[in-house]
Amino acid sequence: MPSNEVMHKFGKGNLRSGSKNGPQVKNRKQAVAIMLSEKRNEGKHGGTYKSSIDTGPSKEFRKKKGIK
């Protein structure tokens, strides 16, 4: 669902959290969170977590400290 469609539904009061029978979304931040979640599920938004390979000391820090 495109972002403008989500915000249009929010403005009209038709946006619901969860399923069609879920509670009505009354907070703009919650509407944005729903929009980003849907984009992430479609694979169009980069909201993924860093892998454990990317974490840890940088190359420069390891070189200074003599860590392999």
PDB file of N, CA and C in Angstrom:
ATOM      1  N   MET A   1       0.849  -1.170   0.000  1.00  0.00           N
ATOM      2  CA  MET A   1       0.000   0.000   0.000  1.00  0.00           C
ATOM      3  C   MET A   1       0.903   1.243   0.000  1.00  0.00           C
ATOM      4  N   PRO A   2       0.732   2.144  -0.966  1.00  0.00           N
ATOM      5  CA  PRO A   2       1.562   3.342  -1.019  1.00  0.00           C
ATOM      6  C   PRO A   2       1.368   4.235   0.207  1.00  0.00           C
ATOM      7  N   SER A   3       2.383   5.050   0.479  1.00  0.00           N
ATOM      8  CA  SER A   3       2.354   5.881   1.675  1.00  0.00           C
ATOM      9  C   SER A   3       1.204   6.881   1.647  1.00  0.00           C
ATOM     10  N   ASN A   4       0.927   7.445   0.467  1.00  0.00           N
ATOM     11  CA  ASN A   4      -0.157   8.418   0.404  1.00  0.00           C
ATOM     12  C   ASN A   4      -1.513   7.756   0.679  1.00  0.00           C
ATOM     13  N   GLU A   5      -1.645   6.492   0.327  1.00  0.00           N
ATOM     14  CA  GLU A   5      -2.894   5.768   0.583  1.00  0.00           C
ATOM     15  C   GLU A   5      -3.079   5.515   2.081  1.00  0.00           C
ATOM     16  N   VAL A   6      -2.001   5.170   2.769  1.00  0.00           N
ATOM     17  CA  VAL A   6      -2.074   4.932   4.215  1.00  0.00           C
ATOM     18  C   VAL A   6      -2.455   6.217   4.939  1.00  0.00           C
ATOM     19  N   MET A   7      -1.800   7.323   4.577  1.00  0.00           N
ATOM     20  CA  MET A   7      -2.087   8.589   5.251  1.00  0.00           C
ATOM     21  C   MET A   7      -3.482   9.102   4.893  1.00  0.00           C
ATOM     22  N   HIS A   8      -3.959   8.801   3.676  1.00  0.00           N
ATOM     23  CA  HIS A   8      -5.315   9.187   3.294  1.00  0.00           C
ATOM     24  C   HIS A   8      -6.329   8.441   4.160  1.00  0.00           C
ATOM     25  N   LYS A   9      -6.108   7.130   4.339  1.00  0.00           N
ATOM     26  CA  LYS A   9      -7.000   6.350   5.201  1.00  0.00           C
ATOM     27  C   LYS A   9      -6.968   6.856   6.632  1.00  0.00           C
ATOM     28  N   PHE A  10      -5.757   7.239   7.092  1.00  0.00           N
ATOM     29  CA  PHE A  10      -5.626   7.767   8.446  1.00  0.00           C
ATOM     30  C   PHE A  10      -6.421   9.061   8.604  1.00  0.00           C
ATOM     31  N   GLY A  11      -6.305   9.937   7.612  1.00  0.00           N
ATOM     32  CA  GLY A  11      -7.016  11.211   7.665  1.00  0.00           C
ATOM     33  C   GLY A  11      -8.524  11.043   7.648  1.00  0.00           C
ATOM     34  N   LYS A  12      -9.000  10.054   6.899  1.00  0.00           N
ATOM     35  CA  LYS A  12     -10.443   9.790   6.830  1.00  0.00           C
ATOM     36  C   LYS A  12     -10.956   9.047   8.059  1.00  0.00           C
ATOM     37  N   GLY A  13     -10.029   8.449   8.834  1.00  0.00           N
ATOM     38  CA  GLY A  13     -10.438   7.689  10.011  1.00  0.00           C
ATOM     39  C   GLY A  13     -10.734   6.240   9.707  1.00  0.00           C
ATOM     40  N   ASN A  14     -10.253   5.739   8.566  1.00  0.00           N
ATOM     41  CA  ASN A  14     -10.524   4.363   8.163  1.00  0.00           C
ATOM     42  C   ASN A  14      -9.353   3.422   8.393  1.00  0.00           C
ATOM     43  N   LEU A  15      -8.214   3.932   8.888  1.00  0.00           N
ATOM     44  CA  LEU A  15      -7.039   3.096   9.094  1.00  0.00           C
ATOM     45  C   LEU A  15      -7.187   2.344  10.411  1.00  0.00           C
ATOM     46  N   ARG A  16      -6.982   1.034  10.342  1.00  0.00           N
ATOM     47  CA  ARG A  16      -7.119   0.199  11.536  1.00  0.00           C
ATOM     48  C   ARG A  16      -5.850  -0.605  11.747  1.00  0.00           C
ATOM     49  N   SER A  17      -5.514  -0.815  12.995  1.00  0.00           N
ATOM     50  CA  SER A  17      -4.310  -1.591  13.304  1.00  0.00           C
ATOM     51  C   SER A  17      -4.672  -3.068  13.353  1.00  0.00           C
ATOM     52  N   GLY A  18      -3.739  -3.884  12.957  1.00  0.00           N
ATOM     53  CA  GLY A  18      -3.986  -5.322  12.949  1.00  0.00           C
ATOM     54  C   GLY A  18      -4.812  -5.707  11.746  1.00  0.00           C
ATOM     55  N   SER A  19      -6.041  -6.120  11.983  1.00  0.00           N
ATOM     56  CA  SER A  19      -6.912  -6.560  10.893  1.00  0.00           C
ATOM     57  C   SER A  19      -7.972  -5.500  10.613  1.00  0.00           C
ATOM     58  N   LYS A  20      -8.919  -5.833   9.754  1.00  0.00           N
ATOM     59  CA  LYS A  20      -9.996  -4.895   9.436  1.00  0.00           C
ATOM     60  C   LYS A  20     -10.882  -4.622  10.637  1.00  0.00           C
ATOM     61  N   ASN A  21     -10.892  -5.546  11.597  1.00  0.00           N
ATOM     62  CA  ASN A  21     -11.725  -5.383  12.782  1.00  0.00           C
ATOM     63  C   ASN A  21     -10.950  -4.819  13.966  1.00  0.00           C
ATOM     64  N   GLY A  22      -9.672  -4.505  13.759  1.00  0.00           N
ATOM     65  CA  GLY A  22      -8.833  -3.992  14.835  1.00  0.00           C
ATOM     66  C   GLY A  22      -9.239  -2.582  15.233  1.00  0.00           C
ATOM     67  N   PRO A  23      -8.622  -2.075  16.291  1.00  0.00           N
ATOM     68  CA  PRO A  23      -8.962  -0.720  16.743  1.00  0.00           C
ATOM     69  C   PRO A  23      -8.507   0.343  15.746  1.00  0.00           C
ATOM     70  N   GLN A  24      -9.221   1.454  15.728  1.00  0.00           N
ATOM     71  CA  GLN A  24      -8.931   2.548  14.811  1.00  0.00           C
ATOM     72  C   GLN A  24      -7.635   3.232  15.236  1.00  0.00           C
ATOM     73  N   VAL A  25      -6.793   3.573  14.259  1.00  0.00           N
ATOM     74  CA  VAL A  25      -5.537   4.265  14.528  1.00  0.00           C
ATOM     75  C   VAL A  25      -5.836   5.742  14.721  1.00  0.00           C
ATOM     76  N   LYS A  26      -5.438   6.294  15.883  1.00  0.00           N
ATOM     77  CA  LYS A  26      -5.707   7.693  16.187  1.00  0.00           C
ATOM     78  C   LYS A  26      -4.431   8.517  16.291  1.00  0.00           C
ATOM     79  N   ASN A  27      -3.278   7.868  16.228  1.00  0.00           N
ATOM     80  CA  ASN A  27      -2.000   8.539  16.392  1.00  0.00           C
ATOM     81  C   ASN A  27      -1.260   8.553  15.058  1.00  0.00           C
ATOM     82  N   ARG A  28      -0.763   9.729  14.649  1.00  0.00           N
ATOM     83  CA  ARG A  28      -0.076   9.856  13.366  1.00  0.00           C
ATOM     84  C   ARG A  28       1.193   9.004  13.337  1.00  0.00           C
ATOM     85  N   LYS A  29       1.896   8.935  14.456  1.00  0.00           N
ATOM     86  CA  LYS A  29       3.123   8.134  14.514  1.00  0.00           C
ATOM     87  C   LYS A  29       2.826   6.658  14.293  1.00  0.00           C
ATOM     88  N   GLN A  30       1.696   6.197  14.797  1.00  0.00           N
ATOM     89  CA  GLN A  30       1.312   4.808  14.600  1.00  0.00           C
ATOM     90  C   GLN A  30       0.990   4.549  13.126  1.00  0.00           C
ATOM     91  N   ALA A  31       0.375   5.535  12.458  1.00  0.00           N
ATOM     92  CA  ALA A  31       0.076   5.395  11.035  1.00  0.00           C
ATOM     93  C   ALA A  31       1.367   5.297  10.227  1.00  0.00           C
ATOM     94  N   VAL A  32       2.362   6.093  10.587  1.00  0.00           N
ATOM     95  CA  VAL A  32       3.650   6.044   9.890  1.00  0.00           C
ATOM     96  C   VAL A  32       4.318   4.695  10.133  1.00  0.00           C
ATOM     97  N   ALA A  33       4.219   4.163  11.349  1.00  0.00           N
ATOM     98  CA  ALA A  33       4.806   2.863  11.666  1.00  0.00           C
ATOM     99  C   ALA A  33       4.144   1.758  10.846  1.00  0.00           C
ATOM    100  N   ILE A  34       2.846   1.819  10.665  1.00  0.00           N
ATOM    101  CA  ILE A  34       2.127   0.835   9.848  1.00  0.00           C
ATOM    102  C   ILE A  34       2.599   0.931   8.400  1.00  0.00           C
ATOM    103  N   MET A  35       2.763   2.159   7.912  1.00  0.00           N
ATOM    104  CA  MET A  35       3.210   2.373   6.537  1.00  0.00           C
ATOM    105  C   MET A  35       4.607   1.780   6.324  1.00  0.00           C
ATOM    106  N   LEU A  36       5.542   2.051   7.237  1.00  0.00           N
ATOM    107  CA  LEU A  36       6.900   1.525   7.106  1.00  0.00           C
ATOM    108  C   LEU A  36       6.917   0.007   7.209  1.00  0.00           C
ATOM    109  N   SER A  37       6.081  -0.542   8.069  1.00  0.00           N
ATOM    110  CA  SER A  37       6.008  -1.992   8.220  1.00  0.00           C
ATOM    111  C   SER A  37       5.536  -2.648   6.930  1.00  0.00           C
ATOM    112  N   GLU A  38       4.528  -2.061   6.298  1.00  0.00           N
ATOM    113  CA  GLU A  38       4.017  -2.616   5.040  1.00  0.00           C
ATOM    114  C   GLU A  38       5.065  -2.513   3.934  1.00  0.00           C
ATOM    115  N   LYS A  39       5.789  -1.390   3.884  1.00  0.00           N
ATOM    116  CA  LYS A  39       6.841  -1.243   2.873  1.00  0.00           C
ATOM    117  C   LYS A  39       7.956  -2.254   3.115  1.00  0.00           C
ATOM    118  N   ARG A  40       8.295  -2.491   4.377  1.00  0.00           N
ATOM    119  CA  ARG A  40       9.350  -3.450   4.701  1.00  0.00           C
ATOM    120  C   ARG A  40       8.928  -4.851   4.282  1.00  0.00           C
ATOM    121  N   ASN A  41       7.661  -5.190   4.464  1.00  0.00           N
ATOM    122  CA  ASN A  41       7.164  -6.501   4.057  1.00  0.00           C
ATOM    123  C   ASN A  41       7.159  -6.662   2.545  1.00  0.00           C
ATOM    124  N   GLU A  42       6.995  -5.546   1.817  1.00  0.00           N
ATOM    125  CA  GLU A  42       7.045  -5.591   0.356  1.00  0.00           C
ATOM    126  C   GLU A  42       8.474  -5.625  -0.149  1.00  0.00           C
ATOM    127  N   GLY A  43       9.429  -5.316   0.706  1.00  0.00           N
ATOM    128  CA  GLY A  43      10.831  -5.311   0.317  1.00  0.00           C
ATOM    129  C   GLY A  43      11.275  -4.005  -0.309  1.00  0.00           C
ATOM    130  N   LYS A  44      10.518  -2.927  -0.129  1.00  0.00           N
ATOM    131  CA  LYS A  44      10.854  -1.650  -0.747  1.00  0.00           C
ATOM    132  C   LYS A  44      11.574  -0.711   0.209  1.00  0.00           C
ATOM    133  N   HIS A  45      11.631  -1.025   1.462  1.00  0.00           N
ATOM    134  CA  HIS A  45      12.260  -0.151   2.436  1.00  0.00           C
ATOM    135  C   HIS A  45      13.399  -0.905   3.094  1.00  0.00           C
ATOM    136  N   GLY A  46      14.482  -0.235   3.372  1.00  0.00           N
ATOM    137  CA  GLY A  46      15.673  -0.901   3.854  1.00  0.00           C
ATOM    138  C   GLY A  46      15.672  -1.249   5.320  1.00  0.00           C
ATOM    139  N   GLY A  47      14.584  -1.118   6.039  1.00  0.00           N
ATOM    140  CA  GLY A  47      14.567  -1.247   7.489  1.00  0.00           C
ATOM    141  C   GLY A  47      14.958  -2.608   8.019  1.00  0.00           C
ATOM    142  N   THR A  48      16.141  -3.066   7.701  1.00  0.00           N
ATOM    143  CA  THR A  48      16.606  -4.343   8.217  1.00  0.00           C
ATOM    144  C   THR A  48      17.657  -4.088   9.278  1.00  0.00           C
ATOM    145  N   TYR A  49      17.910  -5.073  10.092  1.00  0.00           N
ATOM    146  CA  TYR A  49      18.895  -4.947  11.148  1.00  0.00           C
ATOM    147  C   TYR A  49      20.271  -5.303  10.617  1.00  0.00           C
ATOM    148  N   LYS A  50      21.297  -4.732  11.252  1.00  0.00           N
ATOM    149  CA  LYS A  50      22.668  -5.069  10.879  1.00  0.00           C
ATOM    150  C   LYS A  50      22.949  -6.504  11.287  1.00  0.00           C
ATOM    151  N   SER A  51      23.733  -7.178  10.498  1.00  0.00           N
ATOM    152  CA  SER A  51      24.115  -8.529  10.868  1.00  0.00           C
ATOM    153  C   SER A  51      25.217  -8.462  11.919  1.00  0.00           C
ATOM    154  N   SER A  52      25.446  -9.561  12.591  1.00  0.00           N
ATOM    155  CA  SER A  52      26.464  -9.591  13.638  1.00  0.00           C
ATOM    156  C   SER A  52      27.863  -9.468  13.052  1.00  0.00           C
ATOM    157  N   ILE A  53      28.003  -9.708  11.752  1.00  0.00           N
ATOM    158  CA  ILE A  53      29.305  -9.591  11.101  1.00  0.00           C
ATOM    159  C   ILE A  53      29.754  -8.128  11.066  1.00  0.00           C
ATOM    160  N   ASP A  54      28.798  -7.200  10.897  1.00  0.00           N
ATOM    161  CA  ASP A  54      29.133  -5.786  10.799  1.00  0.00           C
ATOM    162  C   ASP A  54      29.488  -5.165  12.145  1.00  0.00           C
ATOM    163  N   THR A  55      29.137  -5.787  13.228  1.00  0.00           N
ATOM    164  CA  THR A  55      29.414  -5.210  14.534  1.00  0.00           C
ATOM    165  C   THR A  55      30.809  -5.592  14.995  1.00  0.00           C
ATOM    166  N   GLY A  56      31.331  -4.857  15.936  1.00  0.00           N
ATOM    167  CA  GLY A  56      32.660  -5.144  16.456  1.00  0.00           C
ATOM    168  C   GLY A  56      33.608  -4.008  16.162  1.00  0.00           C
ATOM    169  N   PRO A  57      34.837  -4.140  16.605  1.00  0.00           N
ATOM    170  CA  PRO A  57      35.792  -3.045  16.425  1.00  0.00           C
ATOM    171  C   PRO A  57      36.119  -2.813  14.955  1.00  0.00           C
ATOM    172  N   SER A  58      36.362  -1.549  14.605  1.00  0.00           N
ATOM    173  CA  SER A  58      36.691  -1.209  13.226  1.00  0.00           C
ATOM    174  C   SER A  58      38.109  -1.650  12.897  1.00  0.00           C
ATOM    175  N   LYS A  59      38.429  -1.619  11.597  1.00  0.00           N
ATOM    176  CA  LYS A  59      39.761  -2.035  11.157  1.00  0.00           C
ATOM    177  C   LYS A  59      40.838  -1.134  11.759  1.00  0.00           C
ATOM    178  N   GLU A  60      40.538   0.187  11.785  1.00  0.00           N
ATOM    179  CA  GLU A  60      41.519   1.128  12.318  1.00  0.00           C
ATOM    180  C   GLU A  60      41.798   0.856  13.794  1.00  0.00           C
ATOM    181  N   PHE A  61      40.761   0.588  14.566  1.00  0.00           N
ATOM    182  CA  PHE A  61      40.917   0.327  15.989  1.00  0.00           C
ATOM    183  C   PHE A  61      41.707  -0.964  16.205  1.00  0.00           C
ATOM    184  N   ARG A  62      41.399  -1.997  15.447  1.00  0.00           N
ATOM    185  CA  ARG A  62      42.132  -3.270  15.589  1.00  0.00           C
ATOM    186  C   ARG A  62      43.598  -3.087  15.221  1.00  0.00           C
ATOM    187  N   LYS A  63      43.865  -2.269  14.196  1.00  0.00           N
ATOM    188  CA  LYS A  63      45.244  -2.049  13.767  1.00  0.00           C
ATOM    189  C   LYS A  63      46.041  -1.307  14.839  1.00  0.00           C
ATOM    190  N   LYS A  64      45.407  -0.295  15.472  1.00  0.00           N
ATOM    191  CA  LYS A  64      46.073   0.473  16.544  1.00  0.00           C
ATOM    192  C   LYS A  64      46.409  -0.425  17.730  1.00  0.00           C
ATOM    193  N   LYS A  65      45.453  -1.258  18.119  1.00  0.00           N
ATOM    194  CA  LYS A  65      45.615  -2.083  19.310  1.00  0.00           C
ATOM    195  C   LYS A  65      46.339  -3.392  19.045  1.00  0.00           C
ATOM    196  N   GLY A  66      46.604  -3.706  17.795  1.00  0.00           N
ATOM    197  CA  GLY A  66      47.286  -4.943  17.470  1.00  0.00           C
ATOM    198  C   GLY A  66      46.399  -6.169  17.601  1.00  0.00           C
ATOM    199  N   ILE A  67      45.086  -5.961  17.426  1.00  0.00           N
ATOM    200  CA  ILE A  67      44.124  -7.080  17.507  1.00  0.00           C
ATOM    201  C   ILE A  67      43.929  -7.649  16.125  1.00  0.00           C
ATOM    202  N   LYS A  68      43.890  -8.982  16.028  1.00  0.00           N
ATOM    203  CA  LYS A  68      43.639  -9.613  14.724  1.00  0.00           C
ATOM    204  C   LYS A  68      42.177  -9.807  14.491  1.00  0.00           C
TER     205      LYS A  68
END
